[in-house]
Amino acid sequence: MRFDVVTLFPDMFPGYLSQSLLDKAIQAGLVDVQVHDLRNWSRNKHRNVDDRPFGGGPGMVLCVEPVVECVESLQQETSPAGHVVLLTPQGRRLNQPIVEELAQHDRLILLCGRYEGFDQRVIDILQPDEISIGDYILNGGEVAAMVTIDAAVRLIPGVLGHERSNQEDSFSNERRWLEGSQYTRPREYRGHQVPEILLSGDHGRIAQWREQESFSRTQQRRADLLRNQHPETEGNPPPAGRLSRQRSEDERDGAGGST
């Protein structure tokens, strides 16, 4: 999967790209991240890409010409042309289903805003997918681009050490619930014990316990997820093992071919 990041501050990215799983994915050829300085498409000798807003007001606005010409140049440079994403607080709020949607594209072109944002004609001409990472304001779209890349890369086959990891994360399972509690060594610390069920070796009971933990945590912390997607379970625990059994049936049904 390829990511093209268009930014005024390309030096923000090398440190991020050289760390952890993302660096390994790049080295393995699973991910290609290209960072482009928008100033390279400036039309003046000072390499300015912003100007004062018509009608007055504070701040500066990113000009339409360099942004549109940059994106068109990148699209012509290599195929596929790419899905254009504009990071903006006015976009649809990023969540796991949207991340899964974005990860289906072979290429994303991410536009990082600054100052007072983009000239409206950038949006009118390019018709980008406008994405927000939350109801708050950042200094620019670079951090939002990193969030988008990080979330999407996890879904690329081969990136994670265990392929089931991204299926069992919060929001990532078929029910979109929060992940339950996790434990590792030691078995006891300052009087706090690991639940005995996790030491039993009974994988069926452990699966049911984790399912109940996931439901309880979601009910306590994000009840909206139950209301929005599973109204029949709101306020009531799921039948023991129901979702675990359904997962096994789905895996068995899909064993004959890819989807």
Protein backbone atom coordinates (compact mmCIF):
# COMPACT_ATOMS: atom_id res chain seq x y z
CA MET A 1 0.00 0.00 0.00
CA ARG A 2 1.30 3.45 -0.89
CA PHE A 3 0.80 6.69 1.02
CA ASP A 4 1.65 10.09 -0.45
CA VAL A 5 1.73 12.81 2.20
CA VAL A 6 1.49 16.43 1.04
CA THR A 7 2.73 18.81 3.72
CA LEU A 8 4.49 22.09 4.43
CA PHE A 9 6.62 20.36 7.05
CA PRO A 10 8.15 17.17 5.57
CA ASP A 11 10.81 17.03 8.29
CA MET A 12 8.14 15.96 10.77
CA PHE A 13 7.95 12.50 9.20
CA PRO A 14 11.39 10.77 9.09
CA GLY A 15 11.45 9.99 12.82
CA TYR A 16 7.92 8.65 12.75
CA LEU A 17 8.52 6.51 9.67
CA SER A 18 11.70 4.94 11.05
CA GLN A 19 10.15 3.41 14.16
CA SER A 20 8.54 0.13 15.16
CA LEU A 21 6.16 -1.86 12.96
CA LEU A 22 5.84 0.86 10.33
CA ASP A 23 9.58 0.84 9.65
CA LYS A 24 9.55 -2.97 9.41
CA ALA A 25 6.61 -2.83 6.99
CA ILE A 26 8.45 -0.31 4.82
CA GLN A 27 11.64 -2.38 4.86
CA ALA A 28 9.64 -5.48 3.91
CA GLY A 29 8.07 -3.69 0.94
CA LEU A 30 4.55 -3.94 2.35
CA VAL A 31 4.19 -0.17 2.70
CA ASP A 32 5.56 2.76 0.72
CA VAL A 33 5.32 6.23 2.26
CA GLN A 34 6.36 9.23 0.14
CA VAL A 35 6.40 12.69 1.73
CA HIS A 36 6.07 15.70 -0.57
CA ASP A 37 6.83 19.34 0.24
CA LEU A 38 3.92 21.41 -1.05
CA ARG A 39 6.29 24.34 -1.58
CA ASN A 40 7.78 22.48 -4.55
CA TRP A 41 4.60 23.37 -6.43
CA SER A 42 4.71 27.06 -5.53
CA ARG A 43 4.40 29.52 -8.40
CA ASN A 44 6.67 32.23 -6.98
CA LYS A 45 10.34 32.59 -6.17
CA HIS A 46 9.66 32.83 -2.44
CA ARG A 47 7.96 29.39 -2.52
CA ASN A 48 4.85 30.77 -0.85
CA VAL A 49 1.78 28.53 -0.94
CA ASP A 50 -0.55 30.60 1.25
CA ASP A 51 -2.14 34.04 1.15
CA ARG A 52 -4.49 36.32 3.07
CA PRO A 53 -8.20 35.40 2.94
CA PHE A 54 -10.55 37.37 0.72
CA GLY A 55 -13.02 39.31 2.85
CA GLY A 56 -10.51 39.75 5.64
CA GLY A 57 -10.02 37.79 8.80
CA PRO A 58 -7.13 36.31 10.76
CA GLY A 59 -4.54 33.88 9.48
CA MET A 60 -3.56 32.63 6.07
CA VAL A 61 -5.25 30.25 3.62
CA LEU A 62 -3.51 27.59 1.53
CA CYS A 63 -3.76 28.54 -2.14
CA VAL A 64 -5.66 26.46 -4.64
CA GLU A 65 -3.05 26.32 -7.44
CA PRO A 66 -0.16 24.52 -5.70
CA VAL A 67 -2.43 22.03 -3.95
CA VAL A 68 -4.41 21.02 -7.04
CA GLU A 69 -1.32 20.92 -9.25
CA CYS A 70 0.58 18.87 -6.67
CA VAL A 71 -2.17 16.25 -6.44
CA GLU A 72 -2.61 16.08 -10.21
CA SER A 73 1.14 15.68 -10.64
CA LEU A 74 1.27 12.83 -8.13
CA GLN A 75 -1.69 11.12 -9.76
CA GLN A 76 -0.02 11.27 -13.17
CA GLU A 77 3.34 10.18 -11.80
CA THR A 78 2.31 6.61 -11.04
CA SER A 79 -0.77 4.41 -10.95
CA PRO A 80 -3.17 3.89 -9.37
CA ALA A 81 -4.15 7.55 -9.21
CA GLY A 82 -4.95 7.19 -5.52
CA HIS A 83 -7.76 8.07 -3.17
CA VAL A 84 -7.37 11.68 -2.03
CA VAL A 85 -7.89 12.33 1.69
CA LEU A 86 -7.99 15.83 3.15
CA LEU A 87 -7.38 15.97 6.90
CA THR A 88 -9.76 18.55 8.35
CA PRO A 89 -11.81 19.02 11.54
CA GLN A 90 -14.85 19.37 9.26
CA GLY A 91 -14.55 15.84 7.87
CA ARG A 92 -16.27 12.62 8.88
CA ARG A 93 -14.83 11.40 12.14
CA LEU A 94 -12.28 8.63 11.75
CA ASN A 95 -13.24 5.30 13.31
CA GLN A 96 -12.32 1.68 12.72
CA PRO A 97 -14.88 1.02 9.95
CA ILE A 98 -13.57 4.08 8.06
CA VAL A 99 -9.98 2.89 8.59
CA GLU A 100 -10.96 -0.48 7.14
CA GLU A 101 -12.53 1.33 4.20
CA LEU A 102 -9.39 3.40 3.59
CA ALA A 103 -7.17 0.33 3.85
CA GLN A 104 -8.96 -1.19 0.86
CA HIS A 105 -7.29 1.38 -1.40
CA ASP A 106 -3.91 0.60 -2.92
CA ARG A 107 -2.89 4.24 -2.59
CA LEU A 108 -3.88 7.19 -0.41
CA ILE A 109 -2.88 10.80 -1.04
CA LEU A 110 -3.08 12.63 2.29
CA LEU A 111 -3.37 16.42 2.29
CA CYS A 112 -2.17 18.07 5.51
CA GLY A 113 -3.76 21.43 6.21
CA ARG A 114 -2.19 24.37 8.02
CA TYR A 115 -3.16 27.85 9.15
CA GLU A 116 -6.83 28.58 8.31
CA GLY A 117 -7.08 25.57 6.02
CA PHE A 118 -7.47 25.15 2.27
CA ASP A 119 -9.05 27.44 -0.29
CA GLN A 120 -12.55 25.97 -0.81
CA ARG A 121 -11.76 25.44 -4.48
CA VAL A 122 -9.30 22.70 -3.50
CA ILE A 123 -12.27 20.72 -2.22
CA ASP A 124 -14.53 21.71 -5.12
CA ILE A 125 -11.99 20.57 -7.72
CA LEU A 126 -10.38 17.51 -6.12
CA GLN A 127 -13.50 16.20 -4.32
CA PRO A 128 -11.37 14.63 -1.57
CA ASP A 129 -12.53 12.34 1.19
CA GLU A 130 -12.57 14.76 4.15
CA ILE A 131 -11.47 13.05 7.36
CA SER A 132 -11.25 14.31 10.95
CA ILE A 133 -9.54 12.48 13.80
CA GLY A 134 -11.67 14.21 16.43
CA ASP A 135 -13.45 17.30 17.64
CA TYR A 136 -10.38 19.32 18.55
CA ILE A 137 -7.90 21.53 16.71
CA LEU A 138 -4.27 20.69 15.96
CA ASN A 139 -1.54 22.94 14.58
CA GLY A 140 -1.79 21.08 11.29
CA GLY A 141 -2.81 17.91 9.52
CA GLU A 142 0.52 16.11 9.86
CA VAL A 143 -0.32 14.35 13.13
CA ALA A 144 -3.73 13.40 11.69
CA ALA A 145 -1.97 11.94 8.65
CA MET A 146 0.28 9.88 10.93
CA VAL A 147 -2.76 8.60 12.80
CA THR A 148 -4.43 7.60 9.53
CA ILE A 149 -1.32 5.84 8.26
CA ASP A 150 -0.74 4.04 11.55
CA ALA A 151 -4.31 2.76 11.74
CA ALA A 152 -4.45 1.64 8.10
CA VAL A 153 -1.05 -0.07 8.08
CA ARG A 154 -2.12 -2.43 10.87
CA LEU A 155 -4.70 -3.93 8.51
CA ILE A 156 -2.22 -4.79 5.76
CA PRO A 157 -1.54 -8.55 5.72
CA GLY A 158 1.93 -9.36 7.00
CA VAL A 159 2.47 -6.17 9.00
CA LEU A 160 1.51 -7.56 12.42
CA GLY A 161 3.35 -10.48 13.91
CA HIS A 162 0.07 -12.28 14.65
CA GLU A 163 -2.61 -11.96 11.99
CA ARG A 164 -5.44 -12.23 14.54
CA SER A 165 -4.14 -9.27 16.54
CA ASN A 166 -6.02 -6.63 14.57
CA GLN A 167 -9.20 -8.72 14.63
CA GLU A 168 -9.33 -8.77 18.43
CA ASP A 169 -8.45 -5.13 19.10
CA SER A 170 -11.06 -2.71 20.39
CA PHE A 171 -13.54 -1.72 17.65
CA SER A 172 -12.03 -4.30 15.28
CA ASN A 173 -14.04 -7.43 16.02
CA GLU A 174 -17.33 -8.13 14.30
CA ARG A 175 -19.30 -6.54 17.13
CA ARG A 176 -17.14 -3.38 17.44
CA TRP A 177 -16.79 -3.75 21.20
CA LEU A 178 -13.89 -2.68 23.40
CA GLU A 179 -11.23 -5.25 24.10
CA GLY A 180 -11.38 -6.82 27.56
CA SER A 181 -8.70 -6.98 30.25
CA GLN A 182 -5.30 -8.51 29.45
CA TYR A 183 -2.78 -10.06 31.87
CA THR A 184 0.78 -11.40 31.75
CA ARG A 185 3.44 -12.45 34.29
CA PRO A 186 3.66 -12.32 37.27
CA ARG A 187 0.52 -14.17 38.39
CA GLU A 188 0.32 -12.01 41.54
CA TYR A 189 1.50 -8.47 42.23
CA ARG A 190 0.79 -6.56 45.44
CA GLY A 191 -2.23 -8.70 46.14
CA HIS A 192 -3.66 -8.38 42.63
CA GLN A 193 -4.20 -11.82 41.10
CA VAL A 194 -4.58 -12.94 37.52
CA PRO A 195 -8.12 -14.40 37.12
CA GLU A 196 -7.95 -18.16 37.61
CA ILE A 197 -9.93 -18.84 34.44
CA LEU A 198 -6.99 -17.58 32.36
CA LEU A 199 -4.74 -20.18 33.97
CA SER A 200 -7.17 -23.07 33.49
CA GLY A 201 -6.14 -24.12 29.99
CA ASP A 202 -9.84 -24.43 29.07
CA HIS A 203 -9.88 -22.41 25.86
CA GLY A 204 -13.64 -22.57 25.47
CA ARG A 205 -14.26 -21.09 28.91
CA ILE A 206 -11.49 -18.54 28.40
CA ALA A 207 -13.12 -17.40 25.15
CA GLN A 208 -16.46 -16.98 26.93
CA TRP A 209 -14.80 -15.07 29.78
CA ARG A 210 -13.10 -12.72 27.34
CA GLU A 211 -16.36 -12.18 25.51
CA GLN A 212 -18.11 -11.27 28.75
CA GLU A 213 -15.22 -8.99 29.76
CA SER A 214 -15.42 -7.24 26.39
CA PHE A 215 -19.17 -6.74 26.75
CA SER A 216 -18.91 -5.47 30.33
CA ARG A 217 -16.16 -3.00 29.52
CA THR A 218 -18.06 -1.71 26.50
CA GLN A 219 -21.25 -1.36 28.54
CA GLN A 220 -19.42 0.58 31.25
CA ARG A 221 -17.29 2.84 29.06
CA ARG A 222 -18.86 3.04 25.60
CA ALA A 223 -22.52 2.05 25.87
CA ASP A 224 -23.14 3.97 22.65
CA LEU A 225 -21.46 1.13 20.75
CA LEU A 226 -24.08 -1.27 22.06
CA ARG A 227 -26.96 1.09 21.29
CA ASN A 228 -25.73 1.90 17.79
CA GLN A 229 -24.85 -1.56 16.55
CA HIS A 230 -26.35 -4.18 18.85
CA PRO A 231 -29.55 -2.81 20.43
CA GLU A 232 -30.64 -6.31 21.38
CA THR A 233 -27.71 -6.59 23.83
CA GLU A 234 -28.03 -3.19 25.51
CA GLY A 235 -28.04 -3.67 29.25
CA ASN A 236 -27.88 -7.45 28.95
CA PRO A 237 -24.86 -9.72 28.64
CA PRO A 238 -24.65 -11.78 25.44
CA PRO A 239 -25.67 -15.43 25.58
CA ALA A 240 -22.62 -17.39 26.71
CA GLY A 241 -20.39 -18.23 23.78
CA ARG A 242 -22.83 -16.93 21.16
CA LEU A 243 -20.38 -14.64 19.41
CA SER A 244 -17.50 -17.08 19.83
CA ARG A 245 -19.56 -19.81 18.18
CA GLN A 246 -20.61 -17.44 15.41
CA ARG A 247 -16.96 -16.57 14.74
CA SER A 248 -16.09 -20.25 14.43
CA GLU A 249 -18.99 -20.81 12.04
CA ASP A 250 -17.97 -17.82 9.93
CA GLU A 251 -14.38 -19.05 9.71
CA ARG A 252 -15.58 -22.53 8.72
CA ASP A 253 -17.94 -21.13 6.08
CA GLY A 254 -15.15 -19.03 4.59
CA ALA A 255 -12.58 -21.82 4.52
CA GLY A 256 -13.38 -22.76 0.95
CA GLY A 257 -12.18 -19.56 -0.68
CA SER A 258 -11.18 -15.96 -0.33
CA THR A 259 -13.53 -13.01 -0.14
